[in-house]
Amino acid sequence: MIKINIKKMLHGSSGEMELACDFEIEKNDFLAISGPSGSGKTTLLRIIAGLEECEGEITVESEVWQNKKIKLPPQKREVGFVFQDFALFPNMSVIENLLYVKKDKEFAFELLKMAGLEELAVRYPNTLSGGQKQRVALCRALMRKPKILLMDEPFSALDPVMREKLQNDIAEFHTRFDLTTIMVSHSPSEIYRLANKMIVLNNGKVEKLSSPKELLLKTSGSAKFAFEGKIIDIVGVDVINIAIISIANQIVEVVISKKEAEELKIGDKVVVSSKAYNPLIRKI
């Protein structure tokens, strides 16, 4: 069991915000943390790692990492951290980056082999692709055989092919090394594929804690899918009304009723869902 109950005042461009999180997860859980930018996701990871101070308590498998009397420093917390920007030492080779964490050459090469990087052991970071750098960063984070693996948007800088490869690596490492993994991500597909639990963090507070299936599959009843979008136009064609909706990077047309055309306006955020292949639209 991992128990986190912390508070910290954050100072951002939009003013002060209190980060106040109180939740529990089980050993070997894969927890995804999602939410809008500036909601405190990265700060929460850094607090768990001991890189930022806060008030409150953190307990990991009955070991107190923080309370009123105890504050374990980062080097004494059994944590591996994969940063968004890789954070590799540019003056060290791949194998040297790993051995800097722990002098265990046999284990270092085992990790590199699992990640398909053994042939790049003597290369330097500036000669690697983004995907290779992130896999090196992942291997380095595992050198201490941590109880908790923390990852801050590990796939954000990767192309789709490398993103899928790294997701496979992380899933394998999570199982192989008996990890508890906590990952910040904005991608529903990544979260759904990797995590068994999910937190939605908003304005510094845990808004929701459940399974990705319950939080990401927003449809109810027999609905087949649902997408959020914004109305950019409403037009009348003959006797029907059509809402032009921006969904992600696509523009779609949805036939709406006369009543919906009267109630909706340009700029409204809506959910477009399908039920028995008939699109339904509702204001959000």
Protein backbone atom coordinates (compact mmCIF):
# COMPACT_ATOMS: atom_id res chain seq x y z
CA MET A 1 0.00 0.00 0.00
CA ILE A 2 1.23 3.50 -0.91
CA LYS A 3 -0.43 6.36 0.95
CA ILE A 4 -0.01 9.97 -0.12
CA ASN A 5 -1.54 12.87 1.81
CA ILE A 6 0.29 16.10 0.99
CA LYS A 7 -0.23 19.86 0.73
CA LYS A 8 1.84 22.55 -0.93
CA MET A 9 1.18 26.11 -2.10
CA LEU A 10 2.09 26.59 -5.75
CA HIS A 11 2.81 29.96 -7.32
CA GLY A 12 2.09 30.22 -11.02
CA SER A 13 1.31 32.80 -13.67
CA SER A 14 -2.38 32.63 -12.76
CA GLY A 15 -1.75 33.16 -9.05
CA GLU A 16 -1.54 30.90 -6.01
CA MET A 17 -3.00 27.41 -5.90
CA GLU A 18 -2.95 24.81 -3.16
CA LEU A 19 -1.86 21.33 -4.23
CA ALA A 20 -3.74 19.04 -1.84
CA CYS A 21 -3.72 15.33 -2.68
CA ASP A 22 -4.96 12.47 -0.51
CA PHE A 23 -5.10 9.02 -2.10
CA GLU A 24 -3.92 5.42 -1.80
CA ILE A 25 -2.76 2.88 -4.35
CA GLU A 26 -1.68 -0.74 -4.05
CA LYS A 27 1.77 -2.19 -4.62
CA ASN A 28 2.23 -3.02 -8.33
CA ASP A 29 -0.48 -0.60 -9.45
CA PHE A 30 0.13 1.38 -12.64
CA LEU A 31 -1.33 4.81 -11.85
CA ALA A 32 -1.85 7.45 -14.53
CA ILE A 33 -2.20 11.10 -13.52
CA SER A 34 -4.06 13.33 -15.96
CA GLY A 35 -5.47 16.82 -15.88
CA PRO A 36 -5.05 20.31 -17.35
CA SER A 37 -1.68 22.05 -17.53
CA GLY A 38 -0.75 23.78 -14.31
CA SER A 39 -2.84 21.48 -12.10
CA GLY A 40 0.18 20.21 -10.15
CA LYS A 41 0.91 16.86 -11.86
CA THR A 42 4.68 17.25 -12.24
CA THR A 43 4.98 18.83 -8.79
CA LEU A 44 3.25 15.80 -7.28
CA LEU A 45 5.81 13.48 -8.89
CA ARG A 46 8.68 15.64 -7.62
CA ILE A 47 7.21 15.61 -4.10
CA ILE A 48 7.00 11.81 -4.13
CA ALA A 49 10.63 11.68 -5.28
CA GLY A 50 11.69 14.08 -2.51
CA LEU A 51 12.78 16.77 -4.96
CA GLU A 52 10.32 19.32 -3.55
CA GLU A 53 9.23 19.96 0.01
CA CYS A 54 5.64 19.90 1.21
CA GLU A 55 3.49 19.30 4.25
CA GLY A 56 1.89 15.95 4.93
CA GLU A 57 2.68 12.26 4.90
CA ILE A 58 3.98 9.73 2.39
CA THR A 59 4.10 6.04 3.33
CA VAL A 60 5.37 3.34 0.98
CA GLU A 61 4.78 -0.28 1.97
CA SER A 62 4.76 0.57 5.70
CA GLU A 63 7.96 2.64 5.38
CA VAL A 64 7.50 6.30 6.24
CA TRP A 65 9.08 8.56 3.64
CA GLN A 66 7.65 11.72 5.10
CA ASN A 67 5.69 12.92 8.12
CA LYS A 68 6.07 15.67 10.72
CA LYS A 69 9.32 14.14 12.02
CA ILE A 70 10.75 12.31 9.00
CA LYS A 71 11.69 13.55 5.54
CA LEU A 72 13.76 11.04 3.62
CA PRO A 73 16.12 12.71 1.13
CA PRO A 74 15.77 11.74 -2.55
CA GLN A 75 18.76 9.37 -2.49
CA LYS A 76 17.14 7.30 0.26
CA ARG A 77 13.76 6.96 -1.45
CA GLU A 78 13.51 3.87 -3.62
CA VAL A 79 12.37 5.82 -6.67
CA GLY A 80 13.31 5.89 -10.34
CA PHE A 81 12.39 9.05 -12.27
CA VAL A 82 12.01 9.35 -16.05
CA PHE A 83 11.93 13.04 -16.91
CA GLN A 84 10.19 14.52 -19.94
CA ASP A 85 13.47 15.93 -21.31
CA PHE A 86 15.50 12.69 -20.79
CA ALA A 87 18.03 14.42 -18.40
CA LEU A 88 20.96 12.30 -19.63
CA PHE A 89 24.54 13.36 -18.92
CA PRO A 90 25.85 14.53 -22.32
CA ASN A 91 29.50 13.86 -21.42
CA MET A 92 28.84 10.21 -20.56
CA SER A 93 28.18 7.25 -22.82
CA VAL A 94 24.99 5.23 -22.53
CA ILE A 95 26.55 2.63 -20.24
CA GLU A 96 28.25 5.34 -18.16
CA ASN A 97 24.90 7.07 -17.63
CA LEU A 98 23.56 3.83 -16.15
CA LEU A 99 26.63 3.00 -14.07
CA TYR A 100 26.63 6.52 -12.59
CA VAL A 101 23.47 5.49 -10.72
CA LYS A 102 24.80 2.11 -9.54
CA LYS A 103 28.01 0.23 -10.30
CA ASP A 104 26.38 -2.96 -11.54
CA LYS A 105 27.60 -3.60 -15.07
CA GLU A 106 25.84 -6.97 -15.43
CA PHE A 107 22.45 -5.50 -14.54
CA ALA A 108 23.08 -2.44 -16.72
CA PHE A 109 23.66 -4.61 -19.78
CA GLU A 110 20.61 -6.73 -18.88
CA LEU A 111 18.46 -3.58 -18.99
CA LEU A 112 20.02 -2.37 -22.24
CA LYS A 113 19.42 -5.78 -23.82
CA MET A 114 15.76 -5.75 -22.74
CA ALA A 115 15.37 -2.30 -24.32
CA GLY A 116 17.25 -3.30 -27.50
CA LEU A 117 20.06 -0.85 -26.77
CA GLU A 118 23.03 -3.13 -26.04
CA GLU A 119 24.74 -2.19 -29.32
CA LEU A 120 24.55 1.51 -28.35
CA ALA A 121 26.29 1.11 -24.99
CA VAL A 122 29.34 3.21 -25.91
CA ARG A 123 27.42 5.88 -27.86
CA TYR A 124 26.84 9.35 -26.43
CA PRO A 125 23.41 10.98 -26.01
CA ASN A 126 23.92 13.49 -28.82
CA THR A 127 24.17 10.59 -31.29
CA LEU A 128 20.87 9.00 -30.23
CA SER A 129 17.31 9.49 -31.47
CA GLY A 130 14.60 10.75 -29.15
CA GLY A 131 13.22 7.25 -28.68
CA GLN A 132 16.66 5.84 -27.90
CA LYS A 133 17.34 8.61 -25.37
CA GLN A 134 14.05 7.95 -23.59
CA ARG A 135 14.76 4.22 -23.41
CA VAL A 136 18.20 4.95 -21.96
CA ALA A 137 16.54 7.25 -19.41
CA LEU A 138 14.12 4.44 -18.54
CA CYS A 139 16.96 1.96 -18.07
CA ARG A 140 18.85 4.41 -15.90
CA ALA A 141 15.76 4.96 -13.73
CA LEU A 142 15.61 1.19 -13.11
CA MET A 143 19.28 0.80 -12.12
CA ARG A 144 18.46 1.28 -8.42
CA LYS A 145 15.73 -1.39 -8.64
CA PRO A 146 13.17 1.10 -7.29
CA LYS A 147 9.89 0.36 -5.58
CA ILE A 148 8.25 3.22 -7.50
CA LEU A 149 8.87 4.30 -11.08
CA LEU A 150 7.85 7.91 -11.76
CA MET A 151 7.43 9.12 -15.35
CA ASP A 152 6.59 12.63 -16.50
CA GLU A 153 4.96 12.46 -19.95
CA PRO A 154 7.57 9.95 -21.20
CA PHE A 155 6.09 9.66 -24.71
CA SER A 156 5.36 13.31 -25.51
CA ALA A 157 8.43 13.93 -27.70
CA LEU A 158 8.26 10.66 -29.63
CA ASP A 159 6.81 9.71 -33.01
CA PRO A 160 3.96 7.13 -33.05
CA VAL A 161 6.23 4.15 -33.86
CA MET A 162 8.70 4.91 -31.07
CA ARG A 163 5.83 5.74 -28.71
CA GLU A 164 4.39 2.26 -29.19
CA LYS A 165 7.83 0.64 -28.75
CA LEU A 166 8.46 2.49 -25.50
CA GLN A 167 4.98 1.63 -24.21
CA ASN A 168 5.80 -2.04 -24.79
CA ASP A 169 9.12 -1.63 -22.94
CA ILE A 170 7.48 0.09 -19.99
CA ALA A 171 4.75 -2.56 -19.71
CA GLU A 172 7.42 -5.28 -19.75
CA PHE A 173 9.63 -3.54 -17.16
CA HIS A 174 6.61 -2.85 -14.92
CA THR A 175 5.78 -6.55 -14.77
CA ARG A 176 9.33 -7.93 -14.83
CA PHE A 177 10.64 -5.81 -11.96
CA ASP A 178 7.50 -5.87 -9.79
CA LEU A 179 7.14 -2.09 -9.97
CA THR A 180 4.57 0.38 -8.81
CA THR A 181 4.45 2.94 -11.62
CA ILE A 182 3.07 6.48 -11.53
CA MET A 183 2.91 8.26 -14.90
CA VAL A 184 1.78 11.74 -15.90
CA SER A 185 0.08 11.64 -19.29
CA HIS A 186 -2.37 13.65 -21.40
CA SER A 187 -2.98 10.77 -23.81
CA PRO A 188 -6.15 8.71 -23.24
CA SER A 189 -4.82 5.88 -25.42
CA GLU A 190 -1.55 5.63 -23.42
CA ILE A 191 -3.44 5.67 -20.14
CA TYR A 192 -5.99 3.09 -21.27
CA ARG A 193 -3.30 0.77 -22.58
CA LEU A 194 -0.87 0.91 -19.63
CA ALA A 195 -2.64 1.94 -16.42
CA ASN A 196 -5.02 0.07 -14.14
CA LYS A 197 -5.81 3.16 -12.07
CA MET A 198 -6.21 6.82 -12.99
CA ILE A 199 -6.34 10.14 -11.19
CA VAL A 200 -7.74 13.33 -12.67
CA LEU A 201 -5.99 16.28 -11.02
CA ASN A 202 -7.65 19.67 -11.38
CA ASN A 203 -6.66 22.93 -9.66
CA GLY A 204 -4.40 20.98 -7.32
CA LYS A 205 -7.10 18.58 -6.14
CA VAL A 206 -7.81 14.93 -6.91
CA GLU A 207 -11.07 15.29 -8.78
CA LYS A 208 -11.49 11.62 -9.69
CA LEU A 209 -9.77 8.31 -8.84
CA SER A 210 -10.94 5.20 -10.64
CA SER A 211 -10.02 2.82 -13.44
CA PRO A 212 -9.17 4.24 -16.88
CA LYS A 213 -12.14 2.32 -18.28
CA GLU A 214 -14.57 4.11 -15.98
CA LEU A 215 -13.04 7.56 -16.48
CA LEU A 216 -12.19 7.45 -20.18
CA LEU A 217 -15.20 5.61 -21.58
CA LYS A 218 -17.67 8.43 -20.97
CA THR A 219 -20.58 6.85 -22.77
CA SER A 220 -23.56 5.55 -20.85
CA GLY A 221 -26.18 2.96 -21.63
CA SER A 222 -25.70 1.43 -25.06
CA ALA A 223 -23.73 4.34 -26.54
CA LYS A 224 -20.88 3.27 -28.79
CA PHE A 225 -18.50 6.24 -28.53
CA ALA A 226 -18.27 9.83 -27.31
CA PHE A 227 -16.03 12.74 -28.30
CA GLU A 228 -15.78 16.23 -26.90
CA GLY A 229 -15.73 19.12 -29.35
CA LYS A 230 -16.68 22.74 -29.95
CA ILE A 231 -19.36 24.08 -32.25
CA ILE A 232 -17.83 26.37 -34.87
CA ASP A 233 -20.96 26.87 -37.01
CA ILE A 234 -24.64 25.95 -37.27
CA VAL A 235 -26.18 25.93 -40.75
CA GLY A 236 -29.57 25.19 -42.20
CA VAL A 237 -29.73 23.00 -45.31
CA ASP A 238 -33.22 22.64 -46.79
CA VAL A 239 -35.32 21.38 -43.87
CA ILE A 240 -32.49 20.11 -41.67
CA ASN A 241 -29.98 21.77 -39.34
CA ILE A 242 -26.32 20.85 -39.23
CA ALA A 243 -23.80 21.60 -36.48
CA ILE A 244 -20.21 21.97 -37.66
CA ILE A 245 -18.03 20.70 -34.80
CA SER A 246 -14.28 20.78 -34.23
CA ILE A 247 -13.13 17.52 -32.61
CA ALA A 248 -9.38 17.25 -31.99
CA ASN A 249 -7.84 17.97 -35.42
CA GLN A 250 -10.97 17.10 -37.39
CA ILE A 251 -14.10 18.97 -38.46
CA VAL A 252 -17.33 16.93 -38.47
CA GLU A 253 -20.94 17.60 -39.44
CA VAL A 254 -23.76 16.38 -37.22
CA VAL A 255 -27.45 16.64 -38.07
CA ILE A 256 -29.33 18.24 -35.16
CA SER A 257 -32.98 18.84 -34.37
CA LYS A 258 -34.69 22.22 -34.65
CA LYS A 259 -34.81 22.44 -30.85
CA GLU A 260 -31.07 21.69 -30.58
CA ALA A 261 -30.33 24.33 -33.22
CA GLU A 262 -32.22 26.87 -31.12
CA GLU A 263 -30.50 25.91 -27.86
CA LEU A 264 -26.93 25.55 -29.14
CA LYS A 265 -24.69 28.38 -30.31
CA ILE A 266 -21.24 28.82 -31.85
CA GLY A 267 -18.54 28.30 -29.24
CA ASP A 268 -20.52 25.82 -27.14
CA LYS A 269 -18.58 22.76 -25.98
CA VAL A 270 -20.48 19.56 -26.68
CA VAL A 271 -20.18 15.79 -26.47
CA VAL A 272 -20.95 13.93 -29.68
CA SER A 273 -21.90 10.31 -29.05
CA SER A 274 -23.28 7.46 -31.07
CA LYS A 275 -26.08 5.20 -29.94
CA ALA A 276 -27.09 2.42 -32.29
CA TYR A 277 -25.23 4.38 -35.00
CA ASN A 278 -27.46 7.46 -34.60
CA PRO A 279 -25.33 10.42 -33.43
CA LEU A 280 -26.56 12.19 -30.31
CA ILE A 281 -25.36 15.61 -29.23
CA ARG A 282 -25.59 17.32 -25.85
CA LYS A 283 -24.18 20.52 -24.42
CA ILE A 284 -21.44 20.29 -21.75
